[in-house]
């Protein structure tokens, strides 16, 4: 049986707490079904083909951040939408970029821990007959606390 021994200097640093602990693993949760929730949902509008949230994004993002700060055990799904704004691949990429921008706002501007946030693209359809209500938006869903 082989035992690994840390060098004396490293052992001393570990005991003194001078070496940073390993980074925590991201929280385990997913956003499957989040689009079907009706409570604690905030819609952030985007201009056509834009990846940057406009001035009218501040209110819903701030409201979602306030709720998330009040309940730190709740996680957040940021779902980007972009239907019919180019080809299928372009629309999905646009939706993902929008979701990432809003997730960054929540994290950087409002101080929500990044491991509580999942940013994902949603592309419910690519037919001209598909309703376009969410086509240029990001939906923030503050998930219920895990049981």
Protein backbone atom coordinates (compact mmCIF):
# COMPACT_ATOMS: atom_id res chain seq x y z
CA UNK A 1 0.00 0.00 0.00
CA UNK A 2 1.43 3.38 -1.02
CA UNK A 3 0.85 6.54 1.02
CA UNK A 4 1.19 9.97 -0.49
CA UNK A 5 2.89 12.50 1.73
CA UNK A 6 2.68 16.23 1.09
CA UNK A 7 5.95 18.16 1.34
CA UNK A 8 6.41 19.78 4.76
CA UNK A 9 6.06 23.30 3.35
CA UNK A 10 2.74 22.49 1.67
CA UNK A 11 1.44 20.81 4.81
CA UNK A 12 2.28 23.91 6.83
CA UNK A 13 0.55 26.18 4.29
CA UNK A 14 -2.54 23.99 4.31
CA UNK A 15 -2.68 24.03 8.10
CA UNK A 16 -2.32 27.81 8.15
CA UNK A 17 -5.10 28.15 5.57
CA UNK A 18 -2.87 30.00 3.12
CA UNK A 19 -3.66 27.70 0.23
CA UNK A 20 -7.09 28.24 -1.25
CA UNK A 21 -9.41 25.26 -1.00
CA UNK A 22 -10.54 23.59 -4.20
CA UNK A 23 -13.33 25.47 -5.91
CA UNK A 24 -16.78 24.30 -4.96
CA UNK A 25 -18.63 22.25 -7.52
CA UNK A 26 -21.53 24.00 -9.26
CA UNK A 27 -24.91 23.47 -7.71
CA UNK A 28 -26.71 20.45 -9.07
CA UNK A 29 -29.91 21.57 -10.79
CA UNK A 30 -31.29 21.83 -14.28
CA UNK A 31 -33.84 23.94 -16.12
CA UNK A 32 -35.93 21.14 -17.62
CA UNK A 33 -39.54 22.21 -17.30
CA UNK A 34 -38.72 25.73 -16.08
CA UNK A 35 -40.56 27.26 -19.04
CA UNK A 36 -43.80 25.71 -17.74
CA UNK A 37 -43.61 27.44 -14.33
CA UNK A 38 -45.86 30.44 -13.82
CA UNK A 39 -44.69 31.90 -10.50
CA UNK A 40 -41.56 34.02 -10.09
CA UNK A 41 -41.05 34.45 -13.84
CA UNK A 42 -39.61 37.66 -15.28
CA UNK A 43 -39.50 38.54 -18.99
CA UNK A 44 -36.65 40.67 -20.35
CA UNK A 45 -37.33 42.10 -23.82
CA UNK A 46 -34.65 42.46 -26.50
CA UNK A 47 -34.59 44.44 -29.73
CA UNK A 48 -34.56 42.46 -32.96
CA UNK A 49 -31.17 40.73 -33.52
CA UNK A 50 -29.78 42.35 -30.37
CA UNK A 51 -27.73 40.53 -27.74
CA UNK A 52 -27.59 43.45 -25.30
CA UNK A 53 -30.47 44.07 -22.90
CA UNK A 54 -31.92 47.57 -23.22
CA UNK A 55 -33.02 50.05 -20.57
CA UNK A 56 -36.36 48.26 -20.15
CA UNK A 57 -34.46 45.17 -18.94
CA UNK A 58 -33.46 46.79 -15.65
CA UNK A 59 -36.82 46.40 -13.89
CA UNK A 60 -37.39 42.67 -14.49
CA UNK A 61 -33.73 41.77 -13.89
CA UNK A 62 -33.64 43.79 -10.66
CA UNK A 63 -36.90 42.19 -9.49
CA UNK A 64 -35.56 38.68 -10.16
CA UNK A 65 -32.29 39.55 -8.38
CA UNK A 66 -34.18 40.89 -5.34
CA UNK A 67 -36.18 37.67 -5.09
CA UNK A 68 -33.03 35.56 -5.50
CA UNK A 69 -31.23 37.51 -2.76
CA UNK A 70 -34.19 37.04 -0.39
CA UNK A 71 -34.13 33.27 -0.96
CA UNK A 72 -30.50 32.14 -1.44
CA UNK A 73 -31.55 28.49 -1.53
CA UNK A 74 -33.40 29.07 -4.83
CA UNK A 75 -31.65 28.69 -8.17
CA UNK A 76 -32.26 30.64 -11.36
CA UNK A 77 -32.86 29.59 -14.96
CA UNK A 78 -32.22 32.19 -17.64
CA UNK A 79 -33.88 31.07 -20.85
CA UNK A 80 -33.00 32.92 -24.05
CA UNK A 81 -35.40 33.04 -27.00
CA UNK A 82 -34.83 34.01 -30.63
CA UNK A 83 -37.33 32.58 -33.08
CA UNK A 84 -37.09 33.36 -36.81
CA UNK A 85 -34.20 35.81 -36.56
CA UNK A 86 -32.02 34.20 -39.20
CA UNK A 87 -31.52 30.50 -39.75
CA UNK A 88 -32.07 27.85 -37.08
CA UNK A 89 -28.41 27.86 -35.98
CA UNK A 90 -28.21 31.67 -35.93
CA UNK A 91 -31.40 31.91 -33.86
CA UNK A 92 -30.16 29.36 -31.32
CA UNK A 93 -26.81 31.16 -31.02
CA UNK A 94 -28.60 34.49 -30.56
CA UNK A 95 -30.84 32.99 -27.87
CA UNK A 96 -27.80 31.60 -26.04
CA UNK A 97 -25.96 34.94 -26.18
CA UNK A 98 -29.02 36.75 -24.80
CA UNK A 99 -29.31 34.28 -21.94
CA UNK A 100 -25.60 34.65 -21.13
CA UNK A 101 -25.86 38.46 -21.11
CA UNK A 102 -28.73 38.39 -18.61
CA UNK A 103 -26.97 35.75 -16.48
CA UNK A 104 -23.90 38.01 -16.37
CA UNK A 105 -26.07 40.96 -15.32
CA UNK A 106 -27.51 38.92 -12.46
CA UNK A 107 -24.06 37.81 -11.37
CA UNK A 108 -21.91 40.90 -11.91
CA UNK A 109 -24.32 43.79 -11.42
CA UNK A 110 -26.61 42.25 -8.80
CA UNK A 111 -24.20 39.93 -6.98
CA UNK A 112 -26.03 36.62 -7.46
CA UNK A 113 -23.61 33.69 -7.11
CA UNK A 114 -22.83 32.35 -10.58
CA UNK A 115 -23.28 28.73 -9.47
CA UNK A 116 -26.97 29.49 -8.83
CA UNK A 117 -27.59 30.53 -12.45
CA UNK A 118 -28.05 28.42 -15.59
CA UNK A 119 -28.23 30.22 -18.95
CA UNK A 120 -29.77 28.23 -21.80
CA UNK A 121 -31.14 28.82 -25.28
CA UNK A 122 -34.72 27.87 -25.98
CA UNK A 123 -36.02 27.62 -29.51
CA UNK A 124 -39.60 26.36 -29.35
CA UNK A 125 -40.11 26.20 -33.08
CA UNK A 126 -38.97 27.46 -36.40
CA UNK A 127 -42.18 27.67 -38.34
CA UNK A 128 -43.67 30.90 -39.65
CA UNK A 129 -46.87 29.76 -37.94
CA UNK A 130 -45.23 29.62 -34.49
CA UNK A 131 -46.42 32.46 -32.21
CA UNK A 132 -43.59 34.94 -31.81
CA UNK A 133 -44.45 36.33 -28.35
CA UNK A 134 -41.17 35.26 -26.75
CA UNK A 135 -39.10 35.51 -29.91
CA UNK A 136 -37.00 38.40 -28.68
CA UNK A 137 -36.77 37.91 -24.96
CA UNK A 138 -35.07 36.21 -22.08
CA UNK A 139 -37.18 34.65 -19.39
CA UNK A 140 -35.75 34.53 -15.87
CA UNK A 141 -37.28 31.82 -13.70
CA UNK A 142 -36.46 31.80 -10.01
CA UNK A 143 -36.98 28.12 -9.28
CA UNK A 144 -38.80 26.87 -6.19
CA UNK A 145 -36.52 25.73 -3.40
CA UNK A 146 -35.57 22.06 -3.61
CA UNK A 147 -37.53 19.90 -1.15
